[in-house]
Amino acid sequence: MSTDRTWRVIQWATGNVGSRALRMVIEHPRMELAGLWVSSAEKAGKDAGELCGLGPTGVTATNSLEEIAALDADCVLFMPQGTDWDALCTLLASGKNVVTTRETFIIPQ
């Protein structure tokens, strides 16, 4: 496997942790932002860079699970305030890997 691969990444949510992760994806030389899911209608339609304090990226935020699931991406950085199990299952069923900071997966209840 080539080590020169660029990974297509979707950022899910732009809260405290999500907006920091979004900046890192945008700035990382081996990652390409493939999509951005946001929870609020006010953020939908805005450029991803605008939502995290960077310049325009050409990636427009959406609050549509269907649009995100249809994107070609290697991974979703799943960082919502609460775990939406249906959304998570839809993302996994679409063939994407999911990485999360949700404590639900770190500290079992």
C-alpha atoms as a PDB file:
ATOM      1  CA  MET A   1       0.000   0.000   0.000  1.00  0.00           C
ATOM      2  CA  SER A   2       1.287   3.428  -0.938  1.00  0.00           C
ATOM      3  CA  THR A   3       2.074   5.828   1.891  1.00  0.00           C
ATOM      4  CA  ASP A   4       1.261   8.768  -0.397  1.00  0.00           C
ATOM      5  CA  ARG A   5      -2.485   8.230  -0.198  1.00  0.00           C
ATOM      6  CA  THR A   6      -4.807  11.123   0.559  1.00  0.00           C
ATOM      7  CA  TRP A   7      -7.673  10.206   2.887  1.00  0.00           C
ATOM      8  CA  ARG A   8     -11.153  11.598   2.167  1.00  0.00           C
ATOM      9  CA  VAL A   9     -12.688  12.596   5.501  1.00  0.00           C
ATOM     10  CA  ILE A  10     -16.141  13.780   6.542  1.00  0.00           C
ATOM     11  CA  GLN A  11     -16.461  15.854   9.704  1.00  0.00           C
ATOM     12  CA  TRP A  12     -19.695  15.223  11.649  1.00  0.00           C
ATOM     13  CA  ALA A  13     -20.522  18.226  13.863  1.00  0.00           C
ATOM     14  CA  THR A  14     -18.778  21.524  14.560  1.00  0.00           C
ATOM     15  CA  GLY A  15     -18.982  22.001  18.296  1.00  0.00           C
ATOM     16  CA  ASN A  16     -15.957  22.527  20.525  1.00  0.00           C
ATOM     17  CA  VAL A  17     -14.139  19.316  19.553  1.00  0.00           C
ATOM     18  CA  GLY A  18     -15.601  19.027  16.058  1.00  0.00           C
ATOM     19  CA  SER A  19     -14.513  22.500  14.939  1.00  0.00           C
ATOM     20  CA  ARG A  20     -10.950  21.777  16.088  1.00  0.00           C
ATOM     21  CA  ALA A  21     -10.944  18.466  14.254  1.00  0.00           C
ATOM     22  CA  LEU A  22     -12.338  20.209  11.173  1.00  0.00           C
ATOM     23  CA  ARG A  23      -9.430  22.685  11.165  1.00  0.00           C
ATOM     24  CA  MET A  24      -6.942  19.824  11.424  1.00  0.00           C
ATOM     25  CA  VAL A  25      -8.518  17.952   8.511  1.00  0.00           C
ATOM     26  CA  ILE A  26      -8.525  21.056   6.329  1.00  0.00           C
ATOM     27  CA  GLU A  27      -4.889  21.848   7.148  1.00  0.00           C
ATOM     28  CA  HIS A  28      -3.529  18.281   6.992  1.00  0.00           C
ATOM     29  CA  PRO A  29      -1.555  17.609   3.786  1.00  0.00           C
ATOM     30  CA  ARG A  30      -2.780  13.995   3.468  1.00  0.00           C
ATOM     31  CA  MET A  31      -6.444  14.585   4.234  1.00  0.00           C
ATOM     32  CA  GLU A  32      -9.122  15.956   1.962  1.00  0.00           C
ATOM     33  CA  LEU A  33     -12.353  17.249   3.447  1.00  0.00           C
ATOM     34  CA  ALA A  34     -15.093  15.353   1.609  1.00  0.00           C
ATOM     35  CA  GLY A  35     -18.074  16.668   3.527  1.00  0.00           C
ATOM     36  CA  LEU A  36     -19.347  18.374   6.647  1.00  0.00           C
ATOM     37  CA  TRP A  37     -22.494  17.601   8.641  1.00  0.00           C
ATOM     38  CA  VAL A  38     -23.888  20.267  10.967  1.00  0.00           C
ATOM     39  CA  SER A  39     -26.796  20.052  13.388  1.00  0.00           C
ATOM     40  CA  SER A  40     -28.268  23.515  12.851  1.00  0.00           C
ATOM     41  CA  ALA A  41     -30.060  24.996   9.873  1.00  0.00           C
ATOM     42  CA  GLU A  42     -28.105  28.229  10.479  1.00  0.00           C
ATOM     43  CA  LYS A  43     -24.792  26.496   9.699  1.00  0.00           C
ATOM     44  CA  ALA A  44     -26.102  24.464   6.743  1.00  0.00           C
ATOM     45  CA  GLY A  45     -25.087  26.014   3.438  1.00  0.00           C
ATOM     46  CA  LYS A  46     -21.983  27.707   4.855  1.00  0.00           C
ATOM     47  CA  ASP A  47     -18.449  26.914   3.763  1.00  0.00           C
ATOM     48  CA  ALA A  48     -16.592  24.537   6.097  1.00  0.00           C
ATOM     49  CA  GLY A  49     -13.667  26.943   6.429  1.00  0.00           C
ATOM     50  CA  GLU A  50     -15.957  29.733   7.567  1.00  0.00           C
ATOM     51  CA  LEU A  51     -17.314  27.514  10.348  1.00  0.00           C
ATOM     52  CA  CYS A  52     -13.882  26.876  11.862  1.00  0.00           C
ATOM     53  CA  GLY A  53     -12.106  30.196  11.310  1.00  0.00           C
ATOM     54  CA  LEU A  54     -10.238  29.322   8.099  1.00  0.00           C
ATOM     55  CA  GLY A  55     -10.570  30.458   4.512  1.00  0.00           C
ATOM     56  CA  PRO A  56     -13.015  28.963   2.006  1.00  0.00           C
ATOM     57  CA  THR A  57     -12.665  25.254   1.252  1.00  0.00           C
ATOM     58  CA  GLY A  58     -15.351  24.747  -1.361  1.00  0.00           C
ATOM     59  CA  VAL A  59     -17.057  22.222   0.939  1.00  0.00           C
ATOM     60  CA  THR A  60     -20.541  23.293   1.941  1.00  0.00           C
ATOM     61  CA  ALA A  61     -22.014  22.166   5.267  1.00  0.00           C
ATOM     62  CA  THR A  62     -25.225  20.156   5.234  1.00  0.00           C
ATOM     63  CA  ASN A  63     -27.592  18.848   7.860  1.00  0.00           C
ATOM     64  CA  SER A  64     -28.724  15.986   5.620  1.00  0.00           C
ATOM     65  CA  LEU A  65     -27.695  12.490   6.692  1.00  0.00           C
ATOM     66  CA  GLU A  66     -28.616  11.217   3.232  1.00  0.00           C
ATOM     67  CA  GLU A  67     -26.240  13.673   1.513  1.00  0.00           C
ATOM     68  CA  ILE A  68     -23.390  12.706   3.836  1.00  0.00           C
ATOM     69  CA  ALA A  69     -24.024   8.960   3.464  1.00  0.00           C
ATOM     70  CA  ALA A  70     -23.941   9.324  -0.346  1.00  0.00           C
ATOM     71  CA  LEU A  71     -20.496  10.978  -0.364  1.00  0.00           C
ATOM     72  CA  ASP A  72     -17.384   9.062  -1.350  1.00  0.00           C
ATOM     73  CA  ALA A  73     -15.206   9.112   1.770  1.00  0.00           C
ATOM     74  CA  ASP A  74     -12.856   6.874   3.705  1.00  0.00           C
ATOM     75  CA  CYS A  75     -13.802   8.003   7.182  1.00  0.00           C
ATOM     76  CA  VAL A  76     -16.280  10.028   9.219  1.00  0.00           C
ATOM     77  CA  LEU A  77     -15.049  11.879  12.292  1.00  0.00           C
ATOM     78  CA  PHE A  78     -18.228  11.495  14.369  1.00  0.00           C
ATOM     79  CA  MET A  79     -18.312  14.160  17.096  1.00  0.00           C
ATOM     80  CA  PRO A  80     -21.899  15.078  17.944  1.00  0.00           C
ATOM     81  CA  GLN A  81     -23.038  16.158  21.406  1.00  0.00           C
ATOM     82  CA  GLY A  82     -25.126  12.993  21.704  1.00  0.00           C
ATOM     83  CA  THR A  83     -24.930   9.647  19.971  1.00  0.00           C
ATOM     84  CA  ASP A  84     -27.496   9.287  17.197  1.00  0.00           C
ATOM     85  CA  TRP A  85     -27.469   5.510  16.776  1.00  0.00           C
ATOM     86  CA  ASP A  86     -29.552   5.569  13.585  1.00  0.00           C
ATOM     87  CA  ALA A  87     -27.183   8.066  11.950  1.00  0.00           C
ATOM     88  CA  LEU A  88     -24.171   6.054  13.088  1.00  0.00           C
ATOM     89  CA  CYS A  89     -25.627   2.842  11.646  1.00  0.00           C
ATOM     90  CA  THR A  90     -26.423   4.628   8.366  1.00  0.00           C
ATOM     91  CA  LEU A  91     -22.835   5.890   8.091  1.00  0.00           C
ATOM     92  CA  LEU A  92     -21.412   2.419   8.755  1.00  0.00           C
ATOM     93  CA  ALA A  93     -23.863   0.803   6.321  1.00  0.00           C
ATOM     94  CA  SER A  94     -22.696   3.246   3.630  1.00  0.00           C
ATOM     95  CA  GLY A  95     -19.243   1.644   3.863  1.00  0.00           C
ATOM     96  CA  LYS A  96     -17.457   4.392   5.742  1.00  0.00           C
ATOM     97  CA  ASN A  97     -15.165   3.922   8.706  1.00  0.00           C
ATOM     98  CA  VAL A  98     -16.226   5.943  11.741  1.00  0.00           C
ATOM     99  CA  VAL A  99     -13.937   7.454  14.351  1.00  0.00           C
ATOM    100  CA  THR A 100     -15.509   9.108  17.383  1.00  0.00           C
ATOM    101  CA  THR A 101     -14.693  11.006  20.531  1.00  0.00           C
ATOM    102  CA  ARG A 102     -18.078  10.092  22.056  1.00  0.00           C
ATOM    103  CA  GLU A 103     -17.579   8.861  25.606  1.00  0.00           C
ATOM    104  CA  THR A 104     -20.340   6.313  24.957  1.00  0.00           C
ATOM    105  CA  PHE A 105     -17.701   4.205  23.247  1.00  0.00           C
ATOM    106  CA  ILE A 106     -14.843   4.962  25.626  1.00  0.00           C
ATOM    107  CA  ILE A 107     -16.635   4.574  28.969  1.00  0.00           C
ATOM    108  CA  PRO A 108     -19.264   1.806  28.631  1.00  0.00           C
ATOM    109  CA  GLN A 109     -22.435   2.404  30.609  1.00  0.00           C
END
